[in-house]
Amino acid sequence: NRLSTEEIIAKAYANTDDVHKVAHLLKI
């Protein structure tokens, strides 16, 4: 869906740390 971390966090199904962790792992 190519959403940003902010958009995913706003959907509230995952905690902020998990969203940022997965996004970081995806990138690196």
PDB file of all heavy atoms in Angstrom:
ATOM      1  N   ASN A   1       0.816  -1.228   0.000  1.00  0.00           N
ATOM      2  CA  ASN A   1       0.000   0.000   0.000  1.00  0.00           C
ATOM      3  C   ASN A   1       0.842   1.267   0.000  1.00  0.00           C
ATOM      4  O   ASN A   1       0.310   2.365  -0.176  1.00  0.00           O
ATOM      5  CB  ASN A   1      -0.943   0.001   1.204  1.00  0.00           C
ATOM      6  CG  ASN A   1      -1.901  -1.170   1.177  1.00  0.00           C
ATOM      7  OD1 ASN A   1      -2.283  -1.651   0.111  1.00  0.00           O
ATOM      8  ND2 ASN A   1      -2.299  -1.659   2.348  1.00  0.00           N
ATOM      9  N   ARG A   2       2.141   1.111   0.239  1.00  0.00           N
ATOM     10  CA  ARG A   2       3.116   2.211   0.216  1.00  0.00           C
ATOM     11  C   ARG A   2       2.729   3.355   1.156  1.00  0.00           C
ATOM     12  O   ARG A   2       2.844   4.529   0.821  1.00  0.00           O
ATOM     13  CB  ARG A   2       3.299   2.718  -1.226  1.00  0.00           C
ATOM     14  CG  ARG A   2       3.996   1.719  -2.127  1.00  0.00           C
ATOM     15  CD  ARG A   2       4.257   2.267  -3.520  1.00  0.00           C
ATOM     16  NE  ARG A   2       5.139   1.406  -4.276  1.00  0.00           N
ATOM     17  CZ  ARG A   2       4.752   0.351  -4.994  1.00  0.00           C
ATOM     18  NH1 ARG A   2       3.471   0.030  -5.037  1.00  0.00           N
ATOM     19  NH2 ARG A   2       5.624  -0.383  -5.647  1.00  0.00           N
ATOM     20  N   LEU A   3       2.276   2.984   2.329  1.00  0.00           N
ATOM     21  CA  LEU A   3       1.947   3.989   3.337  1.00  0.00           C
ATOM     22  C   LEU A   3       3.200   4.385   4.108  1.00  0.00           C
ATOM     23  O   LEU A   3       4.165   3.624   4.215  1.00  0.00           O
ATOM     24  CB  LEU A   3       0.904   3.439   4.310  1.00  0.00           C
ATOM     25  CG  LEU A   3      -0.456   3.028   3.728  1.00  0.00           C
ATOM     26  CD1 LEU A   3      -1.405   2.628   4.859  1.00  0.00           C
ATOM     27  CD2 LEU A   3      -1.068   4.138   2.887  1.00  0.00           C
ATOM     28  N   SER A   4       3.175   5.581   4.667  1.00  0.00           N
ATOM     29  CA  SER A   4       4.263   6.039   5.530  1.00  0.00           C
ATOM     30  C   SER A   4       4.078   5.451   6.925  1.00  0.00           C
ATOM     31  O   SER A   4       2.998   4.953   7.280  1.00  0.00           O
ATOM     32  CB  SER A   4       4.261   7.560   5.616  1.00  0.00           C
ATOM     33  OG  SER A   4       3.097   8.012   6.305  1.00  0.00           O
ATOM     34  N   THR A   5       5.145   5.512   7.719  1.00  0.00           N
ATOM     35  CA  THR A   5       5.035   5.023   9.093  1.00  0.00           C
ATOM     36  C   THR A   5       3.973   5.815   9.859  1.00  0.00           C
ATOM     37  O   THR A   5       3.230   5.243  10.665  1.00  0.00           O
ATOM     38  CB  THR A   5       6.387   5.126   9.815  1.00  0.00           C
ATOM     39  OG1 THR A   5       6.910   6.451   9.667  1.00  0.00           O
ATOM     40  CG2 THR A   5       7.379   4.128   9.254  1.00  0.00           C
ATOM     41  N   GLU A   6       3.887   7.116   9.587  1.00  0.00           N
ATOM     42  CA  GLU A   6       2.882   7.937  10.281  1.00  0.00           C
ATOM     43  C   GLU A   6       1.468   7.481   9.944  1.00  0.00           C
ATOM     44  O   GLU A   6       0.590   7.412  10.819  1.00  0.00           O
ATOM     45  CB  GLU A   6       3.058   9.416   9.905  1.00  0.00           C
ATOM     46  CG  GLU A   6       4.308  10.084  10.461  1.00  0.00           C
ATOM     47  CD  GLU A   6       5.559   9.753   9.649  1.00  0.00           C
ATOM     48  OE1 GLU A   6       5.430   9.124   8.567  1.00  0.00           O
ATOM     49  OE2 GLU A   6       6.666  10.113  10.110  1.00  0.00           O
ATOM     50  N   GLU A   7       1.235   7.152   8.679  1.00  0.00           N
ATOM     51  CA  GLU A   7      -0.098   6.686   8.269  1.00  0.00           C
ATOM     52  C   GLU A   7      -0.428   5.335   8.891  1.00  0.00           C
ATOM     53  O   GLU A   7      -1.578   5.068   9.277  1.00  0.00           O
ATOM     54  CB  GLU A   7      -0.172   6.601   6.743  1.00  0.00           C
ATOM     55  CG  GLU A   7      -0.178   7.961   6.054  1.00  0.00           C
ATOM     56  CD  GLU A   7      -0.009   7.838   4.555  1.00  0.00           C
ATOM     57  OE1 GLU A   7       0.869   7.079   4.095  1.00  0.00           O
ATOM     58  OE2 GLU A   7      -0.764   8.521   3.820  1.00  0.00           O
ATOM     59  N   ILE A   8       0.573   4.476   9.011  1.00  0.00           N
ATOM     60  CA  ILE A   8       0.337   3.159   9.616  1.00  0.00           C
ATOM     61  C   ILE A   8       0.069   3.301  11.107  1.00  0.00           C
ATOM     62  O   ILE A   8      -0.848   2.672  11.650  1.00  0.00           O
ATOM     63  CB  ILE A   8       1.540   2.237   9.354  1.00  0.00           C
ATOM     64  CG1 ILE A   8       1.704   1.997   7.850  1.00  0.00           C
ATOM     65  CG2 ILE A   8       1.358   0.902  10.075  1.00  0.00           C
ATOM     66  CD1 ILE A   8       2.984   1.292   7.477  1.00  0.00           C
ATOM     67  N   ILE A   9       0.845   4.125  11.770  1.00  0.00           N
ATOM     68  CA  ILE A   9       0.634   4.345  13.206  1.00  0.00           C
ATOM     69  C   ILE A   9      -0.763   4.888  13.462  1.00  0.00           C
ATOM     70  O   ILE A   9      -1.439   4.503  14.431  1.00  0.00           O
ATOM     71  CB  ILE A   9       1.714   5.301  13.757  1.00  0.00           C
ATOM     72  CG1 ILE A   9       3.084   4.599  13.761  1.00  0.00           C
ATOM     73  CG2 ILE A   9       1.359   5.794  15.153  1.00  0.00           C
ATOM     74  CD1 ILE A   9       4.259   5.522  13.968  1.00  0.00           C
ATOM     75  N   ALA A  10      -1.247   5.752  12.576  1.00  0.00           N
ATOM     76  CA  ALA A  10      -2.581   6.334  12.735  1.00  0.00           C
ATOM     77  C   ALA A  10      -3.685   5.280  12.625  1.00  0.00           C
ATOM     78  O   ALA A  10      -4.789   5.474  13.150  1.00  0.00           O
ATOM     79  CB  ALA A  10      -2.806   7.429  11.699  1.00  0.00           C
ATOM     80  N   LYS A  11      -3.403   4.150  11.972  1.00  0.00           N
ATOM     81  CA  LYS A  11      -4.398   3.085  11.858  1.00  0.00           C
ATOM     82  C   LYS A  11      -4.553   2.296  13.153  1.00  0.00           C
ATOM     83  O   LYS A  11      -5.529   1.551  13.330  1.00  0.00           O
ATOM     84  CB  LYS A  11      -4.036   2.144  10.700  1.00  0.00           C
ATOM     85  CG  LYS A  11      -4.087   2.841   9.339  1.00  0.00           C
ATOM     86  CD  LYS A  11      -3.602   1.947   8.216  1.00  0.00           C
ATOM     87  CE  LYS A  11      -4.597   0.882   7.845  1.00  0.00           C
ATOM     88  NZ  LYS A  11      -4.210   0.200   6.574  1.00  0.00           N
ATOM     89  N   ALA A  12      -3.559   2.411  14.052  1.00  0.00           N
ATOM     90  CA  ALA A  12      -3.667   1.951  15.447  1.00  0.00           C
ATOM     91  C   ALA A  12      -3.794   0.439  15.622  1.00  0.00           C
ATOM     92  O   ALA A  12      -4.284  -0.027  16.636  1.00  0.00           O
ATOM     93  CB  ALA A  12      -4.833   2.648  16.140  1.00  0.00           C
ATOM     94  N   TYR A  13      -3.323  -0.350  14.663  1.00  0.00           N
ATOM     95  CA  TYR A  13      -3.333  -1.797  14.881  1.00  0.00           C
ATOM     96  C   TYR A  13      -1.991  -2.298  15.405  1.00  0.00           C
ATOM     97  O   TYR A  13      -1.838  -3.467  15.756  1.00  0.00           O
ATOM     98  CB  TYR A  13      -3.721  -2.554  13.611  1.00  0.00           C
ATOM     99  CG  TYR A  13      -2.782  -2.393  12.444  1.00  0.00           C
ATOM    100  CD1 TYR A  13      -1.549  -3.031  12.411  1.00  0.00           C
ATOM    101  CD2 TYR A  13      -3.122  -1.602  11.353  1.00  0.00           C
ATOM    102  CE1 TYR A  13      -0.678  -2.889  11.347  1.00  0.00           C
ATOM    103  CE2 TYR A  13      -2.259  -1.448  10.274  1.00  0.00           C
ATOM    104  CZ  TYR A  13      -1.049  -2.098  10.270  1.00  0.00           C
ATOM    105  OH  TYR A  13      -0.187  -1.952   9.221  1.00  0.00           O
ATOM    106  N   ALA A  14      -0.972  -1.409  15.404  1.00  0.00           N
ATOM    107  CA  ALA A  14       0.359  -1.791  15.872  1.00  0.00           C
ATOM    108  C   ALA A  14       0.934  -0.647  16.695  1.00  0.00           C
ATOM    109  O   ALA A  14       0.580   0.518  16.504  1.00  0.00           O
ATOM    110  CB  ALA A  14       1.266  -2.089  14.686  1.00  0.00           C
ATOM    111  N   ASN A  15       1.835  -1.000  17.617  1.00  0.00           N
ATOM    112  CA  ASN A  15       2.439   0.075  18.407  1.00  0.00           C
ATOM    113  C   ASN A  15       3.518   0.793  17.593  1.00  0.00           C
ATOM    114  O   ASN A  15       4.039   0.267  16.603  1.00  0.00           O
ATOM    115  CB  ASN A  15       2.976  -0.446  19.744  1.00  0.00           C
ATOM    116  CG  ASN A  15       4.155  -1.390  19.586  1.00  0.00           C
ATOM    117  OD1 ASN A  15       5.151  -1.070  18.937  1.00  0.00           O
ATOM    118  ND2 ASN A  15       4.051  -2.568  20.198  1.00  0.00           N
ATOM    119  N   THR A  16       3.830   1.986  18.021  1.00  0.00           N
ATOM    120  CA  THR A  16       4.753   2.852  17.281  1.00  0.00           C
ATOM    121  C   THR A  16       6.124   2.202  17.094  1.00  0.00           C
ATOM    122  O   THR A  16       6.722   2.251  16.015  1.00  0.00           O
ATOM    123  CB  THR A  16       4.900   4.196  18.003  1.00  0.00           C
ATOM    124  OG1 THR A  16       3.627   4.830  18.074  1.00  0.00           O
ATOM    125  CG2 THR A  16       5.873   5.110  17.285  1.00  0.00           C
ATOM    126  N   ASP A  17       6.627   1.555  18.160  1.00  0.00           N
ATOM    127  CA  ASP A  17       7.950   0.939  18.082  1.00  0.00           C
ATOM    128  C   ASP A  17       7.996  -0.156  17.031  1.00  0.00           C
ATOM    129  O   ASP A  17       8.975  -0.270  16.271  1.00  0.00           O
ATOM    130  CB  ASP A  17       8.354   0.374  19.453  1.00  0.00           C
ATOM    131  CG  ASP A  17       8.670   1.461  20.465  1.00  0.00           C
ATOM    132  OD1 ASP A  17       8.879   2.622  20.043  1.00  0.00           O
ATOM    133  OD2 ASP A  17       8.706   1.150  21.663  1.00  0.00           O
ATOM    134  N   ASP A  18       6.950  -0.983  16.979  1.00  0.00           N
ATOM    135  CA  ASP A  18       6.929  -2.065  15.995  1.00  0.00           C
ATOM    136  C   ASP A  18       6.905  -1.521  14.568  1.00  0.00           C
ATOM    137  O   ASP A  18       7.577  -2.040  13.678  1.00  0.00           O
ATOM    138  CB  ASP A  18       5.708  -2.970  16.218  1.00  0.00           C
ATOM    139  CG  ASP A  18       5.905  -3.951  17.357  1.00  0.00           C
ATOM    140  OD1 ASP A  18       7.049  -4.081  17.831  1.00  0.00           O
ATOM    141  OD2 ASP A  18       4.912  -4.574  17.787  1.00  0.00           O
ATOM    142  N   VAL A  19       6.126  -0.465  14.349  1.00  0.00           N
ATOM    143  CA  VAL A  19       6.040   0.115  13.010  1.00  0.00           C
ATOM    144  C   VAL A  19       7.404   0.652  12.579  1.00  0.00           C
ATOM    145  O   VAL A  19       7.873   0.376  11.460  1.00  0.00           O
ATOM    146  CB  VAL A  19       4.977   1.225  12.957  1.00  0.00           C
ATOM    147  CG1 VAL A  19       4.999   1.927  11.592  1.00  0.00           C
ATOM    148  CG2 VAL A  19       3.586   0.656  13.233  1.00  0.00           C
ATOM    149  N   HIS A  20       8.040   1.406  13.446  1.00  0.00           N
ATOM    150  CA  HIS A  20       9.353   1.970  13.097  1.00  0.00           C
ATOM    151  C   HIS A  20      10.406   0.873  12.932  1.00  0.00           C
ATOM    152  O   HIS A  20      11.282   0.961  12.062  1.00  0.00           O
ATOM    153  CB  HIS A  20       9.789   2.975  14.155  1.00  0.00           C
ATOM    154  CG  HIS A  20       9.075   4.291  14.076  1.00  0.00           C
ATOM    155  ND1 HIS A  20       9.063   5.059  12.931  1.00  0.00           N
ATOM    156  CD2 HIS A  20       8.330   4.960  15.000  1.00  0.00           C
ATOM    157  CE1 HIS A  20       8.349   6.160  13.147  1.00  0.00           C
ATOM    158  NE2 HIS A  20       7.890   6.120  14.389  1.00  0.00           N
ATOM    159  N   LYS A  21      10.308  -0.185  13.739  1.00  0.00           N
ATOM    160  CA  LYS A  21      11.273  -1.280  13.635  1.00  0.00           C
ATOM    161  C   LYS A  21      11.151  -1.980  12.290  1.00  0.00           C
ATOM    162  O   LYS A  21      12.165  -2.223  11.610  1.00  0.00           O
ATOM    163  CB  LYS A  21      11.055  -2.286  14.766  1.00  0.00           C
ATOM    164  CG  LYS A  21      12.030  -3.456  14.723  1.00  0.00           C
ATOM    165  CD  LYS A  21      11.877  -4.356  15.941  1.00  0.00           C
ATOM    166  CE  LYS A  21      12.951  -5.438  15.939  1.00  0.00           C
ATOM    167  NZ  LYS A  21      12.917  -6.271  17.162  1.00  0.00           N
ATOM    168  N   VAL A  22       9.932  -2.311  11.894  1.00  0.00           N
ATOM    169  CA  VAL A  22       9.739  -3.006  10.621  1.00  0.00           C
ATOM    170  C   VAL A  22      10.167  -2.116   9.454  1.00  0.00           C
ATOM    171  O   VAL A  22      10.810  -2.571   8.504  1.00  0.00           O
ATOM    172  CB  VAL A  22       8.276  -3.463  10.458  1.00  0.00           C
ATOM    173  CG1 VAL A  22       8.049  -4.059   9.073  1.00  0.00           C
ATOM    174  CG2 VAL A  22       7.920  -4.486  11.539  1.00  0.00           C
ATOM    175  N   ALA A  23       9.827  -0.824   9.529  1.00  0.00           N
ATOM    176  CA  ALA A  23      10.215   0.104   8.462  1.00  0.00           C
ATOM    177  C   ALA A  23      11.737   0.198   8.357  1.00  0.00           C
ATOM    178  O   ALA A  23      12.305   0.231   7.251  1.00  0.00           O
ATOM    179  CB  ALA A  23       9.613   1.477   8.709  1.00  0.00           C
ATOM    180  N   HIS A  24      12.401   0.225   9.504  1.00  0.00           N
ATOM    181  CA  HIS A  24      13.867   0.287   9.513  1.00  0.00           C
ATOM    182  C   HIS A  24      14.465  -0.983   8.920  1.00  0.00           C
ATOM    183  O   HIS A  24      15.385  -0.928   8.078  1.00  0.00           O
ATOM    184  CB  HIS A  24      14.351   0.481  10.950  1.00  0.00           C
ATOM    185  CG  HIS A  24      15.846   0.452  11.100  1.00  0.00           C
ATOM    186  ND1 HIS A  24      16.664   1.438  10.606  1.00  0.00           N
ATOM    187  CD2 HIS A  24      16.671  -0.476  11.685  1.00  0.00           C
ATOM    188  CE1 HIS A  24      17.930   1.145  10.863  1.00  0.00           C
ATOM    189  NE2 HIS A  24      17.956  -0.013  11.520  1.00  0.00           N
ATOM    190  N   LEU A  25      13.937  -2.129   9.325  1.00  0.00           N
ATOM    191  CA  LEU A  25      14.442  -3.396   8.794  1.00  0.00           C
ATOM    192  C   LEU A  25      14.197  -3.513   7.289  1.00  0.00           C
ATOM    193  O   LEU A  25      15.046  -4.015   6.542  1.00  0.00           O
ATOM    194  CB  LEU A  25      13.788  -4.566   9.533  1.00  0.00           C
ATOM    195  CG  LEU A  25      14.194  -4.741  11.002  1.00  0.00           C
ATOM    196  CD1 LEU A  25      13.322  -5.801  11.671  1.00  0.00           C
ATOM    197  CD2 LEU A  25      15.671  -5.102  11.127  1.00  0.00           C
ATOM    198  N   LEU A  26      13.038  -3.061   6.853  1.00  0.00           N
ATOM    199  CA  LEU A  26      12.735  -3.066   5.418  1.00  0.00           C
ATOM    200  C   LEU A  26      13.779  -2.272   4.644  1.00  0.00           C
ATOM    201  O   LEU A  26      14.286  -2.717   3.604  1.00  0.00           O
ATOM    202  CB  LEU A  26      11.343  -2.486   5.190  1.00  0.00           C
ATOM    203  CG  LEU A  26      10.925  -2.218   3.743  1.00  0.00           C
ATOM    204  CD1 LEU A  26      10.791  -3.528   2.970  1.00  0.00           C
ATOM    205  CD2 LEU A  26       9.609  -1.430   3.687  1.00  0.00           C
ATOM    206  N   LYS A  27      14.105  -1.115   5.152  1.00  0.00           N
ATOM    207  CA  LYS A  27      15.028  -0.224   4.444  1.00  0.00           C
ATOM    208  C   LYS A  27      16.454  -0.764   4.417  1.00  0.00           C
ATOM    209  O   LYS A  27      17.101  -0.785   3.361  1.00  0.00           O
ATOM    210  CB  LYS A  27      14.994   1.154   5.113  1.00  0.00           C
ATOM    211  CG  LYS A  27      15.949   2.155   4.489  1.00  0.00           C
ATOM    212  CD  LYS A  27      15.910   3.452   5.257  1.00  0.00           C
ATOM    213  CE  LYS A  27      17.058   4.352   4.848  1.00  0.00           C
ATOM    214  NZ  LYS A  27      17.112   5.586   5.653  1.00  0.00           N
ATOM    215  N   ILE A  28      16.948  -1.254   5.542  1.00  0.00           N
ATOM    216  CA  ILE A  28      18.368  -1.609   5.612  1.00  0.00           C
ATOM    217  C   ILE A  28      18.667  -2.958   4.969  1.00  0.00           C
ATOM    218  O   ILE A  28      19.844  -3.303   4.789  1.00  0.00           O
ATOM    219  CB  ILE A  28      18.889  -1.602   7.067  1.00  0.00           C
ATOM    220  CG1 ILE A  28      18.206  -2.700   7.896  1.00  0.00           C
ATOM    221  CG2 ILE A  28      18.707  -0.224   7.686  1.00  0.00           C
ATOM    222  CD1 ILE A  28      18.839  -2.885   9.273  1.00  0.00           C
TER     223      ILE A  28
END
